[in-house]
Amino acid sequence: MKLGFEWDDEKAKANFKKRRVGFDEAATVFTDAFSVTITDPGHSAEEQRYVDIGNSDKGRVLVVVYTERGSNIRIISCRRATLSEQTLYEEGNE
């Protein structure tokens, strides 16, 4: 099954300007079979949010915040993983 992605274009531009990571690259994290997914209940009362830590197609470990909208994944934000998040990713794949 092919995943569908969506995002707000203005948010994507702002995210890239601030963090130098594009939402198009963030979408590639979902092809990483070894990604680590955790829930993010503290950031939204209206919808369930998730945090995915995984390798992008550019070989960078990224943190992607997203929600599910129907059959699509809506990317909210993304950034490079911190050292502790990289460690969590690596330990989850031992």
PDB file of N, CA and C in Angstrom:
ATOM      1  N   MET A   1       0.839  -1.179   0.000  1.00  0.00           N
ATOM      2  CA  MET A   1       0.000   0.000   0.000  1.00  0.00           C
ATOM      3  C   MET A   1       0.890   1.250   0.000  1.00  0.00           C
ATOM      4  N   LYS A   2       0.602   2.146  -0.899  1.00  0.00           N
ATOM      5  CA  LYS A   2       1.372   3.393  -1.000  1.00  0.00           C
ATOM      6  C   LYS A   2       0.805   4.416  -0.027  1.00  0.00           C
ATOM      7  N   LEU A   3       1.698   5.032   0.738  1.00  0.00           N
ATOM      8  CA  LEU A   3       1.276   6.052   1.688  1.00  0.00           C
ATOM      9  C   LEU A   3       1.023   7.370   0.975  1.00  0.00           C
ATOM     10  N   GLY A   4      -0.015   8.075   1.431  1.00  0.00           N
ATOM     11  CA  GLY A   4      -0.283   9.413   0.929  1.00  0.00           C
ATOM     12  C   GLY A   4       0.137  10.432   1.976  1.00  0.00           C
ATOM     13  N   PHE A   5       0.661  11.544   1.522  1.00  0.00           N
ATOM     14  CA  PHE A   5       1.129  12.583   2.436  1.00  0.00           C
ATOM     15  C   PHE A   5       0.483  13.910   2.090  1.00  0.00           C
ATOM     16  N   GLU A   6       0.301  14.730   3.112  1.00  0.00           N
ATOM     17  CA  GLU A   6      -0.189  16.089   2.918  1.00  0.00           C
ATOM     18  C   GLU A   6       0.444  16.979   3.967  1.00  0.00           C
ATOM     19  N   TRP A   7       0.456  18.270   3.682  1.00  0.00           N
ATOM     20  CA  TRP A   7       0.959  19.255   4.634  1.00  0.00           C
ATOM     21  C   TRP A   7       0.535  20.632   4.182  1.00  0.00           C
ATOM     22  N   ASP A   8       0.642  21.562   5.090  1.00  0.00           N
ATOM     23  CA  ASP A   8       0.376  22.965   4.803  1.00  0.00           C
ATOM     24  C   ASP A   8       1.634  23.551   4.156  1.00  0.00           C
ATOM     25  N   ASP A   9       1.485  24.110   2.963  1.00  0.00           N
ATOM     26  CA  ASP A   9       2.653  24.617   2.234  1.00  0.00           C
ATOM     27  C   ASP A   9       3.376  25.743   2.970  1.00  0.00           C
ATOM     28  N   GLU A  10       2.629  26.628   3.605  1.00  0.00           N
ATOM     29  CA  GLU A  10       3.265  27.729   4.349  1.00  0.00           C
ATOM     30  C   GLU A  10       4.047  27.196   5.541  1.00  0.00           C
ATOM     31  N   LYS A  11       3.475  26.212   6.223  1.00  0.00           N
ATOM     32  CA  LYS A  11       4.162  25.586   7.362  1.00  0.00           C
ATOM     33  C   LYS A  11       5.439  24.883   6.881  1.00  0.00           C
ATOM     34  N   ALA A  12       5.344  24.236   5.733  1.00  0.00           N
ATOM     35  CA  ALA A  12       6.509  23.544   5.177  1.00  0.00           C
ATOM     36  C   ALA A  12       7.632  24.534   4.855  1.00  0.00           C
ATOM     37  N   LYS A  13       7.285  25.674   4.282  1.00  0.00           N
ATOM     38  CA  LYS A  13       8.290  26.700   3.969  1.00  0.00           C
ATOM     39  C   LYS A  13       8.936  27.238   5.240  1.00  0.00           C
ATOM     40  N   ALA A  14       8.103  27.521   6.246  1.00  0.00           N
ATOM     41  CA  ALA A  14       8.622  28.038   7.520  1.00  0.00           C
ATOM     42  C   ALA A  14       9.525  27.008   8.195  1.00  0.00           C
ATOM     43  N   ASN A  15       9.117  25.739   8.152  1.00  0.00           N
ATOM     44  CA  ASN A  15       9.912  24.671   8.756  1.00  0.00           C
ATOM     45  C   ASN A  15      11.274  24.571   8.063  1.00  0.00           C
ATOM     46  N   PHE A  16      11.277  24.636   6.725  1.00  0.00           N
ATOM     47  CA  PHE A  16      12.542  24.544   5.995  1.00  0.00           C
ATOM     48  C   PHE A  16      13.448  25.732   6.306  1.00  0.00           C
ATOM     49  N   LYS A  17      12.864  26.901   6.369  1.00  0.00           N
ATOM     50  CA  LYS A  17      13.650  28.103   6.665  1.00  0.00           C
ATOM     51  C   LYS A  17      14.300  28.009   8.046  1.00  0.00           C
ATOM     52  N   LYS A  18      13.554  27.491   9.016  1.00  0.00           N
ATOM     53  CA  LYS A  18      14.046  27.410  10.391  1.00  0.00           C
ATOM     54  C   LYS A  18      14.983  26.221  10.610  1.00  0.00           C
ATOM     55  N   ARG A  19      14.654  25.072  10.018  1.00  0.00           N
ATOM     56  CA  ARG A  19      15.371  23.834  10.357  1.00  0.00           C
ATOM     57  C   ARG A  19      16.144  23.201   9.212  1.00  0.00           C
ATOM     58  N   ARG A  20      15.992  23.736   8.022  1.00  0.00           N
ATOM     59  CA  ARG A  20      16.688  23.230   6.836  1.00  0.00           C
ATOM     60  C   ARG A  20      16.368  21.770   6.533  1.00  0.00           C
ATOM     61  N   VAL A  21      15.134  21.377   6.821  1.00  0.00           N
ATOM     62  CA  VAL A  21      14.652  20.038   6.484  1.00  0.00           C
ATOM     63  C   VAL A  21      13.297  20.212   5.810  1.00  0.00           C
ATOM     64  N   GLY A  22      13.151  19.647   4.616  1.00  0.00           N
ATOM     65  CA  GLY A  22      11.896  19.758   3.887  1.00  0.00           C
ATOM     66  C   GLY A  22      10.916  18.649   4.237  1.00  0.00           C
ATOM     67  N   PHE A  23       9.641  18.952   4.107  1.00  0.00           N
ATOM     68  CA  PHE A  23       8.616  17.946   4.376  1.00  0.00           C
ATOM     69  C   PHE A  23       8.689  16.805   3.360  1.00  0.00           C
ATOM     70  N   ASP A  24       9.168  17.085   2.144  1.00  0.00           N
ATOM     71  CA  ASP A  24       9.332  16.013   1.166  1.00  0.00           C
ATOM     72  C   ASP A  24      10.379  15.005   1.642  1.00  0.00           C
ATOM     73  N   GLU A  25      11.466  15.487   2.247  1.00  0.00           N
ATOM     74  CA  GLU A  25      12.453  14.572   2.828  1.00  0.00           C
ATOM     75  C   GLU A  25      11.865  13.859   4.040  1.00  0.00           C
ATOM     76  N   ALA A  26      11.106  14.581   4.856  1.00  0.00           N
ATOM     77  CA  ALA A  26      10.489  13.974   6.045  1.00  0.00           C
ATOM     78  C   ALA A  26       9.601  12.794   5.666  1.00  0.00           C
ATOM     79  N   ALA A  27       8.912  12.895   4.546  1.00  0.00           N
ATOM     80  CA  ALA A  27       8.023  11.813   4.112  1.00  0.00           C
ATOM     81  C   ALA A  27       8.784  10.517   3.859  1.00  0.00           C
ATOM     82  N   THR A  28      10.071  10.606   3.523  1.00  0.00           N
ATOM     83  CA  THR A  28      10.849   9.396   3.246  1.00  0.00           C
ATOM     84  C   THR A  28      11.172   8.604   4.511  1.00  0.00           C
ATOM     85  N   VAL A  29      11.030   9.223   5.672  1.00  0.00           N
ATOM     86  CA  VAL A  29      11.265   8.519   6.942  1.00  0.00           C
ATOM     87  C   VAL A  29      10.287   7.349   7.090  1.00  0.00           C
ATOM     88  N   PHE A  30       9.110   7.479   6.493  1.00  0.00           N
ATOM     89  CA  PHE A  30       8.089   6.446   6.637  1.00  0.00           C
ATOM     90  C   PHE A  30       8.400   5.187   5.836  1.00  0.00           C
ATOM     91  N   THR A  31       9.444   5.219   5.014  1.00  0.00           N
ATOM     92  CA  THR A  31       9.884   4.012   4.311  1.00  0.00           C
ATOM     93  C   THR A  31      10.964   3.272   5.090  1.00  0.00           C
ATOM     94  N   ASP A  32      11.411   3.842   6.202  1.00  0.00           N
ATOM     95  CA  ASP A  32      12.431   3.222   7.048  1.00  0.00           C
ATOM     96  C   ASP A  32      11.766   2.161   7.919  1.00  0.00           C
ATOM     97  N   ALA A  33      12.037   0.908   7.613  1.00  0.00           N
ATOM     98  CA  ALA A  33      11.432  -0.201   8.363  1.00  0.00           C
ATOM     99  C   ALA A  33      11.861  -0.219   9.823  1.00  0.00           C
ATOM    100  N   PHE A  34      12.922   0.503  10.157  1.00  0.00           N
ATOM    101  CA  PHE A  34      13.437   0.510  11.519  1.00  0.00           C
ATOM    102  C   PHE A  34      13.078   1.781  12.290  1.00  0.00           C
ATOM    103  N   SER A  35      12.200   2.599  11.737  1.00  0.00           N
ATOM    104  CA  SER A  35      11.823   3.840  12.430  1.00  0.00           C
ATOM    105  C   SER A  35      11.131   3.525  13.753  1.00  0.00           C
ATOM    106  N   VAL A  36      11.227   4.475  14.666  1.00  0.00           N
ATOM    107  CA  VAL A  36      10.626   4.348  15.997  1.00  0.00           C
ATOM    108  C   VAL A  36       9.472   5.343  16.068  1.00  0.00           C
ATOM    109  N   THR A  37       8.283   4.859  16.460  1.00  0.00           N
ATOM    110  CA  THR A  37       7.101   5.715  16.539  1.00  0.00           C
ATOM    111  C   THR A  37       6.607   5.777  17.975  1.00  0.00           C
ATOM    112  N   ILE A  38       6.350   6.995  18.450  1.00  0.00           N
ATOM    113  CA  ILE A  38       5.771   7.189  19.781  1.00  0.00           C
ATOM    114  C   ILE A  38       4.590   8.152  19.656  1.00  0.00           C
ATOM    115  N   THR A  39       3.666   8.061  20.600  1.00  0.00           N
ATOM    116  CA  THR A  39       2.537   8.989  20.591  1.00  0.00           C
ATOM    117  C   THR A  39       2.957  10.304  21.224  1.00  0.00           C
ATOM    118  N   ASP A  40       2.237  11.356  20.875  1.00  0.00           N
ATOM    119  CA  ASP A  40       2.538  12.705  21.362  1.00  0.00           C
ATOM    120  C   ASP A  40       1.251  13.328  21.901  1.00  0.00           C
ATOM    121  N   PRO A  41       0.743  12.824  23.037  1.00  0.00           N
ATOM    122  CA  PRO A  41      -0.562  13.286  23.530  1.00  0.00           C
ATOM    123  C   PRO A  41      -0.573  14.705  24.076  1.00  0.00           C
ATOM    124  N   GLY A  42       0.556  15.253  24.419  1.00  0.00           N
ATOM    125  CA  GLY A  42       0.594  16.556  25.065  1.00  0.00           C
ATOM    126  C   GLY A  42       0.463  17.753  24.152  1.00  0.00           C
ATOM    127  N   HIS A  43       0.452  17.545  22.844  1.00  0.00           N
ATOM    128  CA  HIS A  43       0.484  18.687  21.939  1.00  0.00           C
ATOM    129  C   HIS A  43      -0.797  18.957  21.167  1.00  0.00           C
ATOM    130  N   SER A  44      -1.812  18.137  21.313  1.00  0.00           N
ATOM    131  CA  SER A  44      -3.054  18.416  20.596  1.00  0.00           C
ATOM    132  C   SER A  44      -4.221  17.738  21.284  1.00  0.00           C
ATOM    133  N   ALA A  45      -5.245  18.524  21.570  1.00  0.00           N
ATOM    134  CA  ALA A  45      -6.460  17.969  22.165  1.00  0.00           C
ATOM    135  C   ALA A  45      -7.426  17.510  21.087  1.00  0.00           C
ATOM    136  N   GLU A  46      -7.284  18.046  19.864  1.00  0.00           N
ATOM    137  CA  GLU A  46      -8.236  17.750  18.800  1.00  0.00           C
ATOM    138  C   GLU A  46      -7.934  16.473  18.022  1.00  0.00           C
ATOM    139  N   GLU A  47      -6.671  16.090  17.937  1.00  0.00           N
ATOM    140  CA  GLU A  47      -6.312  14.940  17.121  1.00  0.00           C
ATOM    141  C   GLU A  47      -5.130  14.201  17.742  1.00  0.00           C
ATOM    142  N   GLN A  48      -5.014  12.929  17.435  1.00  0.00           N
ATOM    143  CA  GLN A  48      -3.895  12.120  17.910  1.00  0.00           C
ATOM    144  C   GLN A  48      -2.657  12.465  17.096  1.00  0.00           C
ATOM    145  N   ARG A  49      -1.579  12.811  17.776  1.00  0.00           N
ATOM    146  CA  ARG A  49      -0.318  13.104  17.101  1.00  0.00           C
ATOM    147  C   ARG A  49       0.705  12.029  17.420  1.00  0.00           C
ATOM    148  N   TYR A  50       1.617  11.858  16.486  1.00  0.00           N
ATOM    149  CA  TYR A  50       2.673  10.867  16.609  1.00  0.00           C
ATOM    150  C   TYR A  50       4.019  11.511  16.291  1.00  0.00           C
ATOM    151  N   VAL A  51       5.072  10.903  16.814  1.00  0.00           N
ATOM    152  CA  VAL A  51       6.438  11.313  16.509  1.00  0.00           C
ATOM    153  C   VAL A  51       7.152  10.089  15.950  1.00  0.00           C
ATOM    154  N   ASP A  52       7.718  10.243  14.784  1.00  0.00           N
ATOM    155  CA  ASP A  52       8.452   9.165  14.139  1.00  0.00           C
ATOM    156  C   ASP A  52       9.917   9.580  14.059  1.00  0.00           C
ATOM    157  N   ILE A  53      10.813   8.704  14.493  1.00  0.00           N
ATOM    158  CA  ILE A  53      12.250   8.945  14.391  1.00  0.00           C
ATOM    159  C   ILE A  53      12.796   7.897  13.434  1.00  0.00           C
ATOM    160  N   GLY A  54      13.389   8.364  12.343  1.00  0.00           N
ATOM    161  CA  GLY A  54      13.891   7.414  11.361  1.00  0.00           C
ATOM    162  C   GLY A  54      14.854   8.052  10.387  1.00  0.00           C
ATOM    163  N   ASN A  55      15.424   7.211   9.557  1.00  0.00           N
ATOM    164  CA  ASN A  55      16.394   7.632   8.551  1.00  0.00           C
ATOM    165  C   ASN A  55      15.675   8.126   7.307  1.00  0.00           C
ATOM    166  N   SER A  56      16.104   9.269   6.796  1.00  0.00           N
ATOM    167  CA  SER A  56      15.536   9.789   5.551  1.00  0.00           C
ATOM    168  C   SER A  56      16.301   9.209   4.363  1.00  0.00           C
ATOM    169  N   ASP A  57      15.819   9.500   3.171  1.00  0.00           N
ATOM    170  CA  ASP A  57      16.520   9.032   1.976  1.00  0.00           C
ATOM    171  C   ASP A  57      17.842   9.760   1.763  1.00  0.00           C
ATOM    172  N   LYS A  58      18.103  10.799   2.558  1.00  0.00           N
ATOM    173  CA  LYS A  58      19.386  11.505   2.505  1.00  0.00           C
ATOM    174  C   LYS A  58      20.338  11.025   3.597  1.00  0.00           C
ATOM    175  N   GLY A  59      19.940   9.972   4.326  1.00  0.00           N
ATOM    176  CA  GLY A  59      20.803   9.404   5.353  1.00  0.00           C
ATOM    177  C   GLY A  59      20.840  10.180   6.649  1.00  0.00           C
ATOM    178  N   ARG A  60      19.868  11.063   6.845  1.00  0.00           N
ATOM    179  CA  ARG A  60      19.810  11.843   8.089  1.00  0.00           C
ATOM    180  C   ARG A  60      18.726  11.254   8.988  1.00  0.00           C
ATOM    181  N   VAL A  61      19.019  11.163  10.286  1.00  0.00           N
ATOM    182  CA  VAL A  61      18.003  10.727  11.240  1.00  0.00           C
ATOM    183  C   VAL A  61      17.146  11.948  11.561  1.00  0.00           C
ATOM    184  N   LEU A  62      15.843  11.829  11.272  1.00  0.00           N
ATOM    185  CA  LEU A  62      14.915  12.938  11.456  1.00  0.00           C
ATOM    186  C   LEU A  62      13.844  12.602  12.470  1.00  0.00           C
ATOM    187  N   VAL A  63      13.288  13.647  13.053  1.00  0.00           N
ATOM    188  CA  VAL A  63      12.124  13.548  13.927  1.00  0.00           C
ATOM    189  C   VAL A  63      10.973  14.189  13.166  1.00  0.00           C
ATOM    190  N   VAL A  64       9.915  13.416  12.940  1.00  0.00           N
ATOM    191  CA  VAL A  64       8.769  13.895  12.172  1.00  0.00           C
ATOM    192  C   VAL A  64       7.526  13.823  13.050  1.00  0.00           C
ATOM    193  N   VAL A  65       6.863  14.961  13.221  1.00  0.00           N
ATOM    194  CA  VAL A  65       5.601  15.017  13.961  1.00  0.00           C
ATOM    195  C   VAL A  65       4.487  15.000  12.927  1.00  0.00           C
ATOM    196  N   TYR A  66       3.492  14.127  13.151  1.00  0.00           N
ATOM    197  CA  TYR A  66       2.427  13.987  12.165  1.00  0.00           C
ATOM    198  C   TYR A  66       1.131  13.518  12.818  1.00  0.00           C
ATOM    199  N   THR A  67       0.075  13.581  12.036  1.00  0.00           N
ATOM    200  CA  THR A  67      -1.206  13.024  12.430  1.00  0.00           C
ATOM    201  C   THR A  67      -1.753  12.258  11.233  1.00  0.00           C
ATOM    202  N   GLU A  68      -2.745  11.435  11.474  1.00  0.00           N
ATOM    203  CA  GLU A  68      -3.377  10.707  10.378  1.00  0.00           C
ATOM    204  C   GLU A  68      -4.678  11.406  10.018  1.00  0.00           C
ATOM    205  N   ARG A  69      -4.862  11.677   8.740  1.00  0.00           N
ATOM    206  CA  ARG A  69      -6.084  12.292   8.226  1.00  0.00           C
ATOM    207  C   ARG A  69      -6.655  11.353   7.178  1.00  0.00           C
ATOM    208  N   GLY A  70      -7.642  10.581   7.584  1.00  0.00           N
ATOM    209  CA  GLY A  70      -8.171   9.578   6.659  1.00  0.00           C
ATOM    210  C   GLY A  70      -7.077   8.586   6.321  1.00  0.00           C
ATOM    211  N   SER A  71      -6.808   8.420   5.038  1.00  0.00           N
ATOM    212  CA  SER A  71      -5.755   7.487   4.618  1.00  0.00           C
ATOM    213  C   SER A  71      -4.416   8.190   4.394  1.00  0.00           C
ATOM    214  N   ASN A  72      -4.351   9.479   4.696  1.00  0.00           N
ATOM    215  CA  ASN A  72      -3.117  10.247   4.513  1.00  0.00           C
ATOM    216  C   ASN A  72      -2.393  10.506   5.825  1.00  0.00           C
ATOM    217  N   ILE A  73      -1.107  10.723   5.708  1.00  0.00           N
ATOM    218  CA  ILE A  73      -0.286  11.186   6.820  1.00  0.00           C
ATOM    219  C   ILE A  73      -0.089  12.681   6.618  1.00  0.00           C
ATOM    220  N   ARG A  74      -0.494  13.470   7.607  1.00  0.00           N
ATOM    221  CA  ARG A  74      -0.325  14.928   7.531  1.00  0.00           C
ATOM    222  C   ARG A  74       0.889  15.308   8.365  1.00  0.00           C
ATOM    223  N   ILE A  75       1.936  15.763   7.703  1.00  0.00           N
ATOM    224  CA  ILE A  75       3.166  16.153   8.384  1.00  0.00           C
ATOM    225  C   ILE A  75       2.980  17.534   8.993  1.00  0.00           C
ATOM    226  N   ILE A  76       3.294  17.643  10.280  1.00  0.00           N
ATOM    227  CA  ILE A  76       3.131  18.890  11.028  1.00  0.00           C
ATOM    228  C   ILE A  76       4.469  19.619  11.156  1.00  0.00           C
ATOM    229  N   SER A  77       5.533  18.873  11.458  1.00  0.00           N
ATOM    230  CA  SER A  77       6.866  19.470  11.553  1.00  0.00           C
ATOM    231  C   SER A  77       7.918  18.377  11.424  1.00  0.00           C
ATOM    232  N   CYS A  78       9.146  18.805  11.169  1.00  0.00           N
ATOM    233  CA  CYS A  78      10.262  17.862  11.115  1.00  0.00           C
ATOM    234  C   CYS A  78      11.556  18.611  11.399  1.00  0.00           C
ATOM    235  N   ARG A  79      12.532  17.849  11.866  1.00  0.00           N
ATOM    236  CA  ARG A  79      13.841  18.424  12.178  1.00  0.00           C
ATOM    237  C   ARG A  79      14.838  17.285  12.296  1.00  0.00           C
ATOM    238  N   ARG A  80      16.108  17.647  12.353  1.00  0.00           N
ATOM    239  CA  ARG A  80      17.131  16.638  12.608  1.00  0.00           C
ATOM    240  C   ARG A  80      17.005  16.154  14.048  1.00  0.00           C
ATOM    241  N   ALA A  81      17.293  14.891  14.259  1.00  0.00           N
ATOM    242  CA  ALA A  81      17.228  14.314  15.598  1.00  0.00           C
ATOM    243  C   ALA A  81      18.381  14.826  16.455  1.00  0.00           C
ATOM    244  N   THR A  82      18.098  15.005  17.748  1.00  0.00           N
ATOM    245  CA  THR A  82      19.151  15.331  18.703  1.00  0.00           C
ATOM    246  C   THR A  82      19.975  14.070  18.956  1.00  0.00           C
ATOM    247  N   LEU A  83      21.080  14.214  19.646  1.00  0.00           N
ATOM    248  CA  LEU A  83      21.919  13.065  19.962  1.00  0.00           C
ATOM    249  C   LEU A  83      21.140  12.014  20.753  1.00  0.00           C
ATOM    250  N   SER A  84      20.346  12.443  21.731  1.00  0.00           N
ATOM    251  CA  SER A  84      19.579  11.475  22.531  1.00  0.00           C
ATOM    252  C   SER A  84      18.499  10.795  21.684  1.00  0.00           C
ATOM    253  N   GLU A  85      17.913  11.510  20.737  1.00  0.00           N
ATOM    254  CA  GLU A  85      16.916  10.901  19.851  1.00  0.00           C
ATOM    255  C   GLU A  85      17.571   9.924  18.883  1.00  0.00           C
ATOM    256  N   GLN A  86      18.773  10.243  18.419  1.00  0.00           N
ATOM    257  CA  GLN A  86      19.514   9.308  17.567  1.00  0.00           C
ATOM    258  C   GLN A  86      19.833   8.033  18.329  1.00  0.00           C
ATOM    259  N   THR A  87      20.198   8.191  19.602  1.00  0.00           N
ATOM    260  CA  THR A  87      20.485   7.028  20.444  1.00  0.00           C
ATOM    261  C   THR A  87      19.235   6.174  20.621  1.00  0.00           C
ATOM    262  N   LEU A  88      18.091   6.805  20.857  1.00  0.00           N
ATOM    263  CA  LEU A  88      16.819   6.080  20.975  1.00  0.00           C
ATOM    264  C   LEU A  88      16.544   5.290  19.701  1.00  0.00           C
ATOM    265  N   TYR A  89      16.758   5.913  18.566  1.00  0.00           N
ATOM    266  CA  TYR A  89      16.566   5.249  17.273  1.00  0.00           C
ATOM    267  C   TYR A  89      17.504   4.052  17.134  1.00  0.00           C
ATOM    268  N   GLU A  90      18.778   4.254  17.444  1.00  0.00           N
ATOM    269  CA  GLU A  90      19.764   3.185  17.301  1.00  0.00           C
ATOM    270  C   GLU A  90      19.502   2.043  18.276  1.00  0.00           C
ATOM    271  N   GLU A  91      19.125   2.358  19.521  1.00  0.00           N
ATOM    272  CA  GLU A  91      18.849   1.315  20.512  1.00  0.00           C
ATOM    273  C   GLU A  91      17.592   0.537  20.157  1.00  0.00           C
ATOM    274  N   GLY A  92      16.659   1.196  19.506  1.00  0.00           N
ATOM    275  CA  GLY A  92      15.438   0.511  19.076  1.00  0.00           C
ATOM    276  C   GLY A  92      15.682  -0.448  17.934  1.00  0.00           C
ATOM    277  N   ASN A  93      16.857  -0.382  17.347  1.00  0.00           N
ATOM    278  CA  ASN A  93      17.178  -1.216  16.194  1.00  0.00           C
ATOM    279  C   ASN A  93      18.323  -2.179  16.449  1.00  0.00           C
ATOM    280  N   GLU A  94      18.588  -2.463  17.713  1.00  0.00           N
ATOM    281  CA  GLU A  94      19.655  -3.427  18.034  1.00  0.00           C
ATOM    282  C   GLU A  94      19.126  -4.830  17.979  1.00  0.00           C
TER     283      GLU A  94
END
